[in-house]
Amino acid sequence: MTDGNLFSTLIFSLSRLCLMDMGYMSEELHEVNFKSAQNNIDILNMLKDKTQNNLTEEEDKLLQSIIYDLQLKYVEKTKQQSS
């Protein structure tokens, strides 16, 4: 695997965990956990900050897109939860 593939795999893995924590992906033994979801979003943001100017254009777009989508989903789910 190339470094780019490893980076993408890491980003997709954290994204999947975050979606599971928010209840978007059904897993029998996985409960909704918004604190964990927020932690995963924070980790992705930290990776974005720490890798700034060190990613390919494709990797940068992928990371920014995933963070944006997860943040929107987080807001949506937490609003539903509080209603």
Protein backbone atom coordinates (compact mmCIF):
# COMPACT_ATOMS: atom_id res chain seq x y z
CA MET A 1 0.00 0.00 0.00
CA THR A 2 1.21 3.49 -0.79
CA ASP A 3 1.28 6.31 1.75
CA GLY A 4 -1.69 7.92 -0.02
CA ASN A 5 -3.70 4.71 0.26
CA LEU A 6 -2.79 4.35 3.93
CA PHE A 7 -3.82 7.94 4.62
CA SER A 8 -7.16 7.48 2.84
CA THR A 9 -7.75 4.22 4.72
CA LEU A 10 -7.13 6.00 8.03
CA ILE A 11 -9.54 8.80 7.10
CA PHE A 12 -12.25 6.37 5.98
CA SER A 13 -11.79 4.28 9.16
CA LEU A 14 -12.23 7.29 11.42
CA SER A 15 -15.19 8.41 9.33
CA ARG A 16 -16.84 5.00 9.64
CA LEU A 17 -16.36 4.99 13.41
CA CYS A 18 -17.89 8.44 13.59
CA LEU A 19 -20.91 7.40 11.51
CA MET A 20 -21.37 4.33 13.73
CA ASP A 21 -21.16 6.54 16.85
CA MET A 22 -23.92 8.74 15.44
CA GLY A 23 -26.14 5.77 14.59
CA TYR A 24 -25.90 6.02 10.80
CA MET A 25 -24.53 2.51 10.44
CA SER A 26 -26.21 -0.26 12.34
CA GLU A 27 -23.86 -2.45 14.31
CA GLU A 28 -25.34 -4.83 16.85
CA LEU A 29 -22.83 -4.14 19.58
CA HIS A 30 -22.28 -0.44 18.89
CA GLU A 31 -24.34 2.14 20.76
CA VAL A 32 -24.87 5.76 19.76
CA ASN A 33 -22.15 7.85 21.41
CA PHE A 34 -22.05 11.51 20.43
CA LYS A 35 -19.00 12.24 22.59
CA SER A 36 -17.01 9.61 20.72
CA ALA A 37 -18.32 10.96 17.39
CA GLN A 38 -17.16 14.46 18.34
CA ASN A 39 -13.77 13.07 19.38
CA ASN A 40 -13.37 11.42 15.96
CA ILE A 41 -14.29 14.67 14.20
CA ASP A 42 -11.74 16.46 16.39
CA ILE A 43 -9.09 13.89 15.44
CA LEU A 44 -9.82 14.42 11.76
CA ASN A 45 -9.56 18.19 12.23
CA MET A 46 -6.26 17.74 14.06
CA LEU A 47 -4.97 15.59 11.18
CA LYS A 48 -6.04 18.30 8.75
CA ASP A 49 -4.15 20.93 10.75
CA LYS A 50 -1.03 18.79 11.27
CA THR A 51 -0.82 17.73 7.62
CA GLN A 52 -1.50 21.17 6.14
CA ASN A 53 0.58 21.74 2.99
CA ASN A 54 1.78 18.15 3.20
CA LEU A 55 -1.05 16.34 1.37
CA THR A 56 -1.80 15.86 -2.26
CA GLU A 57 -4.69 17.93 -3.60
CA GLU A 58 -6.82 14.78 -3.74
CA GLU A 59 -6.04 13.83 -0.12
CA ASP A 60 -6.75 17.37 1.06
CA LYS A 61 -10.12 17.48 -0.74
CA LEU A 62 -11.04 14.06 0.66
CA LEU A 63 -10.22 15.06 4.22
CA GLN A 64 -12.02 18.40 4.02
CA SER A 65 -15.07 16.83 2.41
CA ILE A 66 -15.34 14.08 5.02
CA ILE A 67 -14.94 16.53 7.91
CA TYR A 68 -17.61 18.82 6.45
CA ASP A 69 -20.06 15.95 5.89
CA LEU A 70 -19.49 14.50 9.37
CA GLN A 71 -19.97 17.89 11.02
CA LEU A 72 -23.29 18.37 9.19
CA LYS A 73 -24.45 14.89 10.16
CA TYR A 74 -23.39 15.48 13.77
CA VAL A 75 -25.45 18.67 14.00
CA GLU A 76 -28.41 16.96 12.35
CA LYS A 77 -28.32 13.95 14.70
CA THR A 78 -27.78 15.95 17.88
CA LYS A 79 -30.71 18.23 16.97
CA GLN A 80 -32.91 15.16 16.40
CA GLN A 81 -31.79 13.74 19.73
CA SER A 82 -32.70 16.90 21.64
CA SER A 83 -36.17 17.18 20.02
